[in-house]
mmCIF file of all heavy atoms, coordinates in Angstrom:
data_MODEL
# 
_entry.id   MODEL 
# 
loop_
_atom_site.group_PDB 
_atom_site.id 
_atom_site.type_symbol 
_atom_site.label_atom_id 
_atom_site.label_alt_id 
_atom_site.label_comp_id 
_atom_site.label_asym_id 
_atom_site.label_entity_id 
_atom_site.label_seq_id 
_atom_site.pdbx_PDB_ins_code 
_atom_site.Cartn_x 
_atom_site.Cartn_y 
_atom_site.Cartn_z 
_atom_site.occupancy 
_atom_site.B_iso_or_equiv 
_atom_site.pdbx_formal_charge 
_atom_site.auth_seq_id 
_atom_site.auth_comp_id 
_atom_site.auth_asym_id 
_atom_site.auth_atom_id 
_atom_site.pdbx_PDB_model_num 
ATOM 1   N N   . GLU A 1 1  ? -5.151  -78.545 -2.224 1.00 0.00 ? 1  GLU A N   1 
ATOM 2   C CA  . GLU A 1 1  ? -4.216  -79.653 -1.827 1.00 0.00 ? 1  GLU A CA  1 
ATOM 3   C C   . GLU A 1 1  ? -3.626  -79.408 -0.471 1.00 0.00 ? 1  GLU A C   1 
ATOM 4   O O   . GLU A 1 1  ? -3.353  -80.416 0.156  1.00 0.00 ? 1  GLU A O   1 
ATOM 5   C CB  . GLU A 1 1  ? -3.077  -79.736 -2.965 1.00 0.00 ? 1  GLU A CB  1 
ATOM 6   C CG  . GLU A 1 1  ? -3.591  -80.071 -4.329 1.00 0.00 ? 1  GLU A CG  1 
ATOM 7   C CD  . GLU A 1 1  ? -4.304  -81.413 -4.361 1.00 0.00 ? 1  GLU A CD  1 
ATOM 8   O OE1 . GLU A 1 1  ? -3.925  -82.406 -3.644 1.00 0.00 ? 1  GLU A OE1 1 
ATOM 9   O OE2 . GLU A 1 1  ? -5.320  -81.473 -5.074 1.00 0.00 ? 1  GLU A OE2 1 
ATOM 10  N N   . GLU A 1 2  ? -3.390  -78.196 -0.145 1.00 0.00 ? 2  GLU A N   1 
ATOM 11  C CA  . GLU A 1 2  ? -2.830  -77.907 1.235  1.00 0.00 ? 2  GLU A CA  1 
ATOM 12  C C   . GLU A 1 2  ? -3.749  -76.937 1.974  1.00 0.00 ? 2  GLU A C   1 
ATOM 13  O O   . GLU A 1 2  ? -4.153  -75.904 1.446  1.00 0.00 ? 2  GLU A O   1 
ATOM 14  C CB  . GLU A 1 2  ? -1.414  -77.336 1.115  1.00 0.00 ? 2  GLU A CB  1 
ATOM 15  C CG  . GLU A 1 2  ? -0.765  -77.011 2.429  1.00 0.00 ? 2  GLU A CG  1 
ATOM 16  C CD  . GLU A 1 2  ? 0.660   -76.413 2.286  1.00 0.00 ? 2  GLU A CD  1 
ATOM 17  O OE1 . GLU A 1 2  ? 0.701   -75.281 1.800  1.00 0.00 ? 2  GLU A OE1 1 
ATOM 18  O OE2 . GLU A 1 2  ? 1.586   -77.111 2.699  1.00 0.00 ? 2  GLU A OE2 1 
ATOM 19  N N   . LEU A 1 3  ? -3.938  -77.299 3.247  1.00 0.00 ? 3  LEU A N   1 
ATOM 20  C CA  . LEU A 1 3  ? -4.702  -76.452 4.096  1.00 0.00 ? 3  LEU A CA  1 
ATOM 21  C C   . LEU A 1 3  ? -3.776  -75.891 5.155  1.00 0.00 ? 3  LEU A C   1 
ATOM 22  O O   . LEU A 1 3  ? -2.997  -76.633 5.751  1.00 0.00 ? 3  LEU A O   1 
ATOM 23  C CB  . LEU A 1 3  ? -5.759  -77.364 4.817  1.00 0.00 ? 3  LEU A CB  1 
ATOM 24  C CG  . LEU A 1 3  ? -6.605  -76.684 5.905  1.00 0.00 ? 3  LEU A CG  1 
ATOM 25  C CD1 . LEU A 1 3  ? -7.449  -75.559 5.446  1.00 0.00 ? 3  LEU A CD1 1 
ATOM 26  C CD2 . LEU A 1 3  ? -7.533  -77.810 6.541  1.00 0.00 ? 3  LEU A CD2 1 
ATOM 27  N N   . VAL A 1 4  ? -3.819  -74.560 5.429  1.00 0.00 ? 4  VAL A N   1 
ATOM 28  C CA  . VAL A 1 4  ? -3.019  -73.901 6.470  1.00 0.00 ? 4  VAL A CA  1 
ATOM 29  C C   . VAL A 1 4  ? -3.996  -73.448 7.465  1.00 0.00 ? 4  VAL A C   1 
ATOM 30  O O   . VAL A 1 4  ? -4.906  -72.621 7.223  1.00 0.00 ? 4  VAL A O   1 
ATOM 31  C CB  . VAL A 1 4  ? -2.181  -72.794 5.886  1.00 0.00 ? 4  VAL A CB  1 
ATOM 32  C CG1 . VAL A 1 4  ? -1.268  -72.226 6.983  1.00 0.00 ? 4  VAL A CG1 1 
ATOM 33  C CG2 . VAL A 1 4  ? -1.253  -73.333 4.732  1.00 0.00 ? 4  VAL A CG2 1 
ATOM 34  N N   . LEU A 1 5  ? -3.735  -73.861 8.739  1.00 0.00 ? 5  LEU A N   1 
ATOM 35  C CA  . LEU A 1 5  ? -4.578  -73.488 9.923  1.00 0.00 ? 5  LEU A CA  1 
ATOM 36  C C   . LEU A 1 5  ? -3.669  -72.869 10.984 1.00 0.00 ? 5  LEU A C   1 
ATOM 37  O O   . LEU A 1 5  ? -2.554  -73.087 11.028 1.00 0.00 ? 5  LEU A O   1 
ATOM 38  C CB  . LEU A 1 5  ? -5.277  -74.650 10.484 1.00 0.00 ? 5  LEU A CB  1 
ATOM 39  C CG  . LEU A 1 5  ? -6.225  -75.407 9.558  1.00 0.00 ? 5  LEU A CG  1 
ATOM 40  C CD1 . LEU A 1 5  ? -6.660  -76.769 10.216 1.00 0.00 ? 5  LEU A CD1 1 
ATOM 41  C CD2 . LEU A 1 5  ? -7.464  -74.609 9.281  1.00 0.00 ? 5  LEU A CD2 1 
ATOM 42  N N   . THR A 1 6  ? -4.346  -72.140 11.840 1.00 0.00 ? 6  THR A N   1 
ATOM 43  C CA  . THR A 1 6  ? -3.597  -71.600 13.056 1.00 0.00 ? 6  THR A CA  1 
ATOM 44  C C   . THR A 1 6  ? -4.452  -71.965 14.224 1.00 0.00 ? 6  THR A C   1 
ATOM 45  O O   . THR A 1 6  ? -5.606  -71.725 14.272 1.00 0.00 ? 6  THR A O   1 
ATOM 46  C CB  . THR A 1 6  ? -3.521  -70.083 12.913 1.00 0.00 ? 6  THR A CB  1 
ATOM 47  O OG1 . THR A 1 6  ? -2.644  -69.733 11.854 1.00 0.00 ? 6  THR A OG1 1 
ATOM 48  C CG2 . THR A 1 6  ? -2.804  -69.453 14.240 1.00 0.00 ? 6  THR A CG2 1 
ATOM 49  N N   . LEU A 1 7  ? -3.808  -72.518 15.251 1.00 0.00 ? 7  LEU A N   1 
ATOM 50  C CA  . LEU A 1 7  ? -4.429  -72.734 16.509 1.00 0.00 ? 7  LEU A CA  1 
ATOM 51  C C   . LEU A 1 7  ? -4.119  -71.571 17.435 1.00 0.00 ? 7  LEU A C   1 
ATOM 52  O O   . LEU A 1 7  ? -2.947  -71.190 17.435 1.00 0.00 ? 7  LEU A O   1 
ATOM 53  C CB  . LEU A 1 7  ? -4.030  -74.047 17.143 1.00 0.00 ? 7  LEU A CB  1 
ATOM 54  C CG  . LEU A 1 7  ? -4.271  -75.346 16.464 1.00 0.00 ? 7  LEU A CG  1 
ATOM 55  C CD1 . LEU A 1 7  ? -3.683  -76.608 17.107 1.00 0.00 ? 7  LEU A CD1 1 
ATOM 56  C CD2 . LEU A 1 7  ? -5.801  -75.552 16.275 1.00 0.00 ? 7  LEU A CD2 1 
ATOM 57  N N   . THR A 1 8  ? -5.126  -71.085 18.157 1.00 0.00 ? 8  THR A N   1 
ATOM 58  C CA  . THR A 1 8  ? -4.932  -69.917 18.965 1.00 0.00 ? 8  THR A CA  1 
ATOM 59  C C   . THR A 1 8  ? -5.363  -70.236 20.389 1.00 0.00 ? 8  THR A C   1 
ATOM 60  O O   . THR A 1 8  ? -5.832  -71.288 20.739 1.00 0.00 ? 8  THR A O   1 
ATOM 61  C CB  . THR A 1 8  ? -5.796  -68.780 18.395 1.00 0.00 ? 8  THR A CB  1 
ATOM 62  O OG1 . THR A 1 8  ? -7.141  -69.108 18.394 1.00 0.00 ? 8  THR A OG1 1 
ATOM 63  C CG2 . THR A 1 8  ? -5.372  -68.429 17.014 1.00 0.00 ? 8  THR A CG2 1 
ATOM 64  N N   . GLY A 1 9  ? -5.241  -69.180 21.179 1.00 0.00 ? 9  GLY A N   1 
ATOM 65  C CA  . GLY A 1 9  ? -5.647  -69.288 22.583 1.00 0.00 ? 9  GLY A CA  1 
ATOM 66  C C   . GLY A 1 9  ? -4.879  -70.350 23.347 1.00 0.00 ? 9  GLY A C   1 
ATOM 67  O O   . GLY A 1 9  ? -3.686  -70.492 23.246 1.00 0.00 ? 9  GLY A O   1 
ATOM 68  N N   . ALA A 1 10 ? -5.627  -71.147 24.080 1.00 0.00 ? 10 ALA A N   1 
ATOM 69  C CA  . ALA A 1 10 ? -4.984  -72.176 24.901 1.00 0.00 ? 10 ALA A CA  1 
ATOM 70  C C   . ALA A 1 10 ? -4.222  -73.215 24.121 1.00 0.00 ? 10 ALA A C   1 
ATOM 71  O O   . ALA A 1 10 ? -3.382  -73.896 24.675 1.00 0.00 ? 10 ALA A O   1 
ATOM 72  C CB  . ALA A 1 10 ? -6.088  -72.876 25.705 1.00 0.00 ? 10 ALA A CB  1 
ATOM 73  N N   . PHE A 1 11 ? -4.423  -73.337 22.803 1.00 0.00 ? 11 PHE A N   1 
ATOM 74  C CA  . PHE A 1 11 ? -3.783  -74.308 22.015 1.00 0.00 ? 11 PHE A CA  1 
ATOM 75  C C   . PHE A 1 11 ? -2.571  -73.767 21.388 1.00 0.00 ? 11 PHE A C   1 
ATOM 76  O O   . PHE A 1 11 ? -1.781  -74.461 20.661 1.00 0.00 ? 11 PHE A O   1 
ATOM 77  C CB  . PHE A 1 11 ? -4.684  -74.936 20.981 1.00 0.00 ? 11 PHE A CB  1 
ATOM 78  C CG  . PHE A 1 11 ? -5.807  -75.765 21.618 1.00 0.00 ? 11 PHE A CG  1 
ATOM 79  C CD1 . PHE A 1 11 ? -7.027  -75.289 21.614 1.00 0.00 ? 11 PHE A CD1 1 
ATOM 80  C CD2 . PHE A 1 11 ? -5.520  -76.971 22.248 1.00 0.00 ? 11 PHE A CD2 1 
ATOM 81  C CE1 . PHE A 1 11 ? -8.117  -75.965 22.242 1.00 0.00 ? 11 PHE A CE1 1 
ATOM 82  C CE2 . PHE A 1 11 ? -6.525  -77.686 22.866 1.00 0.00 ? 11 PHE A CE2 1 
ATOM 83  C CZ  . PHE A 1 11 ? -7.828  -77.203 22.869 1.00 0.00 ? 11 PHE A CZ  1 
ATOM 84  N N   . ARG A 1 12 ? -2.264  -72.460 21.459 1.00 0.00 ? 12 ARG A N   1 
ATOM 85  C CA  . ARG A 1 12 ? -1.125  -71.866 20.875 1.00 0.00 ? 12 ARG A CA  1 
ATOM 86  C C   . ARG A 1 12 ? 0.150   -72.253 21.600 1.00 0.00 ? 12 ARG A C   1 
ATOM 87  O O   . ARG A 1 12 ? 0.345   -71.831 22.771 1.00 0.00 ? 12 ARG A O   1 
ATOM 88  C CB  . ARG A 1 12 ? -1.289  -70.358 20.904 1.00 0.00 ? 12 ARG A CB  1 
ATOM 89  C CG  . ARG A 1 12 ? -0.174  -69.577 20.136 1.00 0.00 ? 12 ARG A CG  1 
ATOM 90  C CD  . ARG A 1 12 ? -0.479  -68.075 20.143 1.00 0.00 ? 12 ARG A CD  1 
ATOM 91  N NE  . ARG A 1 12 ? 0.695   -67.400 19.826 1.00 0.00 ? 12 ARG A NE  1 
ATOM 92  C CZ  . ARG A 1 12 ? 1.553   -66.856 20.682 1.00 0.00 ? 12 ARG A CZ  1 
ATOM 93  N NH1 . ARG A 1 12 ? 1.249   -66.947 21.967 1.00 0.00 ? 12 ARG A NH1 1 
ATOM 94  N NH2 . ARG A 1 12 ? 2.634   -66.273 20.297 1.00 0.00 ? 12 ARG A NH2 1 
ATOM 95  N N   . GLY A 1 13 ? 0.921   -73.268 21.064 1.00 0.00 ? 13 GLY A N   1 
ATOM 96  C CA  . GLY A 1 13 ? 2.115   -73.646 21.764 1.00 0.00 ? 13 GLY A CA  1 
ATOM 97  C C   . GLY A 1 13 ? 1.871   -74.639 22.843 1.00 0.00 ? 13 GLY A C   1 
ATOM 98  O O   . GLY A 1 13 ? 2.781   -75.048 23.554 1.00 0.00 ? 13 GLY A O   1 
ATOM 99  N N   . ASP A 1 14 ? 0.655   -75.077 22.978 1.00 0.00 ? 14 ASP A N   1 
ATOM 100 C CA  . ASP A 1 14 ? 0.281   -76.085 24.130 1.00 0.00 ? 14 ASP A CA  1 
ATOM 101 C C   . ASP A 1 14 ? 0.850   -77.430 23.822 1.00 0.00 ? 14 ASP A C   1 
ATOM 102 O O   . ASP A 1 14 ? 0.824   -77.841 22.608 1.00 0.00 ? 14 ASP A O   1 
ATOM 103 C CB  . ASP A 1 14 ? -1.192  -76.170 24.271 1.00 0.00 ? 14 ASP A CB  1 
ATOM 104 C CG  . ASP A 1 14 ? -1.632  -77.004 25.416 1.00 0.00 ? 14 ASP A CG  1 
ATOM 105 O OD1 . ASP A 1 14 ? -1.722  -76.478 26.527 1.00 0.00 ? 14 ASP A OD1 1 
ATOM 106 O OD2 . ASP A 1 14 ? -1.877  -78.127 25.159 1.00 0.00 ? 14 ASP A OD2 1 
ATOM 107 N N   . PRO A 1 15 ? 1.327   -78.251 24.788 1.00 0.00 ? 15 PRO A N   1 
ATOM 108 C CA  . PRO A 1 15 ? 1.846   -79.578 24.581 1.00 0.00 ? 15 PRO A CA  1 
ATOM 109 C C   . PRO A 1 15 ? 0.776   -80.531 23.986 1.00 0.00 ? 15 PRO A C   1 
ATOM 110 O O   . PRO A 1 15 ? 1.007   -81.492 23.391 1.00 0.00 ? 15 PRO A O   1 
ATOM 111 C CB  . PRO A 1 15 ? 2.331   -80.010 25.879 1.00 0.00 ? 15 PRO A CB  1 
ATOM 112 C CG  . PRO A 1 15 ? 2.465   -78.834 26.738 1.00 0.00 ? 15 PRO A CG  1 
ATOM 113 C CD  . PRO A 1 15 ? 1.512   -77.802 26.152 1.00 0.00 ? 15 PRO A CD  1 
ATOM 114 N N   . GLY A 1 16 ? -0.547  -80.176 24.251 1.00 0.00 ? 16 GLY A N   1 
ATOM 115 C CA  . GLY A 1 16 ? -1.675  -80.991 23.802 1.00 0.00 ? 16 GLY A CA  1 
ATOM 116 C C   . GLY A 1 16 ? -2.017  -80.685 22.355 1.00 0.00 ? 16 GLY A C   1 
ATOM 117 O O   . GLY A 1 16 ? -2.893  -81.395 21.829 1.00 0.00 ? 16 GLY A O   1 
ATOM 118 N N   . ALA A 1 17 ? -1.415  -79.684 21.792 1.00 0.00 ? 17 ALA A N   1 
ATOM 119 C CA  . ALA A 1 17 ? -1.805  -79.276 20.366 1.00 0.00 ? 17 ALA A CA  1 
ATOM 120 C C   . ALA A 1 17 ? -1.658  -80.441 19.362 1.00 0.00 ? 17 ALA A C   1 
ATOM 121 O O   . ALA A 1 17 ? -2.545  -80.577 18.528 1.00 0.00 ? 17 ALA A O   1 
ATOM 122 C CB  . ALA A 1 17 ? -1.028  -78.009 19.927 1.00 0.00 ? 17 ALA A CB  1 
ATOM 123 N N   . PRO A 1 18 ? -0.606  -81.237 19.420 1.00 0.00 ? 18 PRO A N   1 
ATOM 124 C CA  . PRO A 1 18 ? -0.515  -82.337 18.460 1.00 0.00 ? 18 PRO A CA  1 
ATOM 125 C C   . PRO A 1 18 ? -1.663  -83.290 18.523 1.00 0.00 ? 18 PRO A C   1 
ATOM 126 O O   . PRO A 1 18 ? -2.125  -83.880 17.544 1.00 0.00 ? 18 PRO A O   1 
ATOM 127 C CB  . PRO A 1 18 ? 0.809   -82.965 18.798 1.00 0.00 ? 18 PRO A CB  1 
ATOM 128 C CG  . PRO A 1 18 ? 1.639   -81.927 19.419 1.00 0.00 ? 18 PRO A CG  1 
ATOM 129 C CD  . PRO A 1 18 ? 0.666   -81.082 20.178 1.00 0.00 ? 18 PRO A CD  1 
ATOM 130 N N   . TYR A 1 19 ? -2.149  -83.554 19.719 1.00 0.00 ? 19 TYR A N   1 
ATOM 131 C CA  . TYR A 1 19 ? -3.305  -84.423 19.907 1.00 0.00 ? 19 TYR A CA  1 
ATOM 132 C C   . TYR A 1 19 ? -4.485  -83.831 19.142 1.00 0.00 ? 19 TYR A C   1 
ATOM 133 O O   . TYR A 1 19 ? -5.245  -84.522 18.418 1.00 0.00 ? 19 TYR A O   1 
ATOM 134 C CB  . TYR A 1 19 ? -3.617  -84.636 21.388 1.00 0.00 ? 19 TYR A CB  1 
ATOM 135 C CG  . TYR A 1 19 ? -4.861  -85.478 21.608 1.00 0.00 ? 19 TYR A CG  1 
ATOM 136 C CD1 . TYR A 1 19 ? -4.663  -86.893 21.610 1.00 0.00 ? 19 TYR A CD1 1 
ATOM 137 C CD2 . TYR A 1 19 ? -6.135  -84.939 21.787 1.00 0.00 ? 19 TYR A CD2 1 
ATOM 138 C CE1 . TYR A 1 19 ? -5.821  -87.718 21.774 1.00 0.00 ? 19 TYR A CE1 1 
ATOM 139 C CE2 . TYR A 1 19 ? -7.186  -85.748 21.933 1.00 0.00 ? 19 TYR A CE2 1 
ATOM 140 C CZ  . TYR A 1 19 ? -7.032  -87.106 21.949 1.00 0.00 ? 19 TYR A CZ  1 
ATOM 141 O OH  . TYR A 1 19 ? -8.194  -87.923 22.143 1.00 0.00 ? 19 TYR A OH  1 
ATOM 142 N N   . VAL A 1 20 ? -4.732  -82.557 19.473 1.00 0.00 ? 20 VAL A N   1 
ATOM 143 C CA  . VAL A 1 20 ? -5.922  -81.854 18.785 1.00 0.00 ? 20 VAL A CA  1 
ATOM 144 C C   . VAL A 1 20 ? -5.723  -81.909 17.289 1.00 0.00 ? 20 VAL A C   1 
ATOM 145 O O   . VAL A 1 20 ? -6.691  -82.151 16.585 1.00 0.00 ? 20 VAL A O   1 
ATOM 146 C CB  . VAL A 1 20 ? -5.985  -80.418 19.325 1.00 0.00 ? 20 VAL A CB  1 
ATOM 147 C CG1 . VAL A 1 20 ? -6.980  -79.591 18.461 1.00 0.00 ? 20 VAL A CG1 1 
ATOM 148 C CG2 . VAL A 1 20 ? -6.296  -80.429 20.784 1.00 0.00 ? 20 VAL A CG2 1 
ATOM 149 N N   . GLN A 1 21 ? -4.530  -81.699 16.707 1.00 0.00 ? 21 GLN A N   1 
ATOM 150 C CA  . GLN A 1 21 ? -4.239  -81.656 15.355 1.00 0.00 ? 21 GLN A CA  1 
ATOM 151 C C   . GLN A 1 21 ? -4.530  -82.995 14.702 1.00 0.00 ? 21 GLN A C   1 
ATOM 152 O O   . GLN A 1 21 ? -5.154  -83.094 13.634 1.00 0.00 ? 21 GLN A O   1 
ATOM 153 C CB  . GLN A 1 21 ? -2.807  -81.283 15.036 1.00 0.00 ? 21 GLN A CB  1 
ATOM 154 C CG  . GLN A 1 21 ? -2.491  -79.856 15.423 1.00 0.00 ? 21 GLN A CG  1 
ATOM 155 C CD  . GLN A 1 21 ? -0.988  -79.629 15.470 1.00 0.00 ? 21 GLN A CD  1 
ATOM 156 O OE1 . GLN A 1 21 ? -0.113  -80.494 15.188 1.00 0.00 ? 21 GLN A OE1 1 
ATOM 157 N NE2 . GLN A 1 21 ? -0.629  -78.394 15.711 1.00 0.00 ? 21 GLN A NE2 1 
ATOM 158 N N   . HIS A 1 22 ? -4.090  -84.103 15.329 1.00 0.00 ? 22 HIS A N   1 
ATOM 159 C CA  . HIS A 1 22 ? -4.218  -85.419 14.671 1.00 0.00 ? 22 HIS A CA  1 
ATOM 160 C C   . HIS A 1 22 ? -5.512  -86.180 14.994 1.00 0.00 ? 22 HIS A C   1 
ATOM 161 O O   . HIS A 1 22 ? -6.006  -86.906 14.159 1.00 0.00 ? 22 HIS A O   1 
ATOM 162 C CB  . HIS A 1 22 ? -3.005  -86.280 15.122 1.00 0.00 ? 22 HIS A CB  1 
ATOM 163 C CG  . HIS A 1 22 ? -1.736  -85.729 14.573 1.00 0.00 ? 22 HIS A CG  1 
ATOM 164 N ND1 . HIS A 1 22 ? -1.400  -85.779 13.247 1.00 0.00 ? 22 HIS A ND1 1 
ATOM 165 C CD2 . HIS A 1 22 ? -0.745  -85.112 15.223 1.00 0.00 ? 22 HIS A CD2 1 
ATOM 166 C CE1 . HIS A 1 22 ? -0.209  -85.207 13.051 1.00 0.00 ? 22 HIS A CE1 1 
ATOM 167 N NE2 . HIS A 1 22 ? 0.194   -84.797 14.234 1.00 0.00 ? 22 HIS A NE2 1 
ATOM 168 N N   . ARG A 1 23 ? -6.047  -85.980 16.207 1.00 0.00 ? 23 ARG A N   1 
ATOM 169 C CA  . ARG A 1 23 ? -7.197  -86.701 16.604 1.00 0.00 ? 23 ARG A CA  1 
ATOM 170 C C   . ARG A 1 23 ? -8.581  -85.956 16.397 1.00 0.00 ? 23 ARG A C   1 
ATOM 171 O O   . ARG A 1 23 ? -9.658  -86.618 16.502 1.00 0.00 ? 23 ARG A O   1 
ATOM 172 C CB  . ARG A 1 23 ? -7.141  -87.107 18.108 1.00 0.00 ? 23 ARG A CB  1 
ATOM 173 C CG  . ARG A 1 23 ? -6.010  -88.039 18.285 1.00 0.00 ? 23 ARG A CG  1 
ATOM 174 C CD  . ARG A 1 23 ? -6.243  -89.320 17.618 1.00 0.00 ? 23 ARG A CD  1 
ATOM 175 N NE  . ARG A 1 23 ? -5.515  -90.412 18.313 1.00 0.00 ? 23 ARG A NE  1 
ATOM 176 C CZ  . ARG A 1 23 ? -5.529  -91.667 17.958 1.00 0.00 ? 23 ARG A CZ  1 
ATOM 177 N NH1 . ARG A 1 23 ? -6.216  -91.980 16.903 1.00 0.00 ? 23 ARG A NH1 1 
ATOM 178 N NH2 . ARG A 1 23 ? -4.858  -92.560 18.620 1.00 0.00 ? 23 ARG A NH2 1 
ATOM 179 N N   . ILE A 1 24 ? -8.509  -84.612 16.311 1.00 0.00 ? 24 ILE A N   1 
ATOM 180 C CA  . ILE A 1 24 ? -9.719  -83.824 16.225 1.00 0.00 ? 24 ILE A CA  1 
ATOM 181 C C   . ILE A 1 24 ? -9.807  -83.193 14.840 1.00 0.00 ? 24 ILE A C   1 
ATOM 182 O O   . ILE A 1 24 ? -10.732 -83.349 14.073 1.00 0.00 ? 24 ILE A O   1 
ATOM 183 C CB  . ILE A 1 24 ? -9.858  -82.929 17.342 1.00 0.00 ? 24 ILE A CB  1 
ATOM 184 C CG1 . ILE A 1 24 ? -9.975  -83.712 18.643 1.00 0.00 ? 24 ILE A CG1 1 
ATOM 185 C CG2 . ILE A 1 24 ? -11.013 -82.009 17.144 1.00 0.00 ? 24 ILE A CG2 1 
ATOM 186 C CD1 . ILE A 1 24 ? -9.934  -82.810 19.855 1.00 0.00 ? 24 ILE A CD1 1 
ATOM 187 N N   . VAL A 1 25 ? -8.736  -82.329 14.495 1.00 0.00 ? 25 VAL A N   1 
ATOM 188 C CA  . VAL A 1 25 ? -8.806  -81.537 13.275 1.00 0.00 ? 25 VAL A CA  1 
ATOM 189 C C   . VAL A 1 25 ? -8.742  -82.400 12.066 1.00 0.00 ? 25 VAL A C   1 
ATOM 190 O O   . VAL A 1 25 ? -9.563  -82.324 11.154 1.00 0.00 ? 25 VAL A O   1 
ATOM 191 C CB  . VAL A 1 25 ? -7.722  -80.494 13.367 1.00 0.00 ? 25 VAL A CB  1 
ATOM 192 C CG1 . VAL A 1 25 ? -7.641  -79.722 11.972 1.00 0.00 ? 25 VAL A CG1 1 
ATOM 193 C CG2 . VAL A 1 25 ? -7.830  -79.424 14.483 1.00 0.00 ? 25 VAL A CG2 1 
ATOM 194 N N   . ARG A 1 26 ? -7.693  -83.300 11.979 1.00 0.00 ? 26 ARG A N   1 
ATOM 195 C CA  . ARG A 1 26 ? -7.523  -84.119 10.770 1.00 0.00 ? 26 ARG A CA  1 
ATOM 196 C C   . ARG A 1 26 ? -8.772  -84.941 10.403 1.00 0.00 ? 26 ARG A C   1 
ATOM 197 O O   . ARG A 1 26 ? -9.196  -84.945 9.243  1.00 0.00 ? 26 ARG A O   1 
ATOM 198 C CB  . ARG A 1 26 ? -6.276  -85.018 10.881 1.00 0.00 ? 26 ARG A CB  1 
ATOM 199 C CG  . ARG A 1 26 ? -6.000  -85.840 9.648  1.00 0.00 ? 26 ARG A CG  1 
ATOM 200 C CD  . ARG A 1 26 ? -4.689  -86.584 9.718  1.00 0.00 ? 26 ARG A CD  1 
ATOM 201 N NE  . ARG A 1 26 ? -3.570  -85.736 9.826  1.00 0.00 ? 26 ARG A NE  1 
ATOM 202 C CZ  . ARG A 1 26 ? -3.004  -84.953 8.865  1.00 0.00 ? 26 ARG A CZ  1 
ATOM 203 N NH1 . ARG A 1 26 ? -3.595  -84.985 7.635  1.00 0.00 ? 26 ARG A NH1 1 
ATOM 204 N NH2 . ARG A 1 26 ? -2.029  -84.186 9.077  1.00 0.00 ? 26 ARG A NH2 1 
# 
C-alpha cells in the first residue's frame, strides 16, 4: 500500500526533486 523511496545524489534536496517525484517516479 505504501512505497518508501529515497532520492540520492543530485536529487537529494534539489529544488527539482518534486518535479521528478510527480512527473517521472509516480
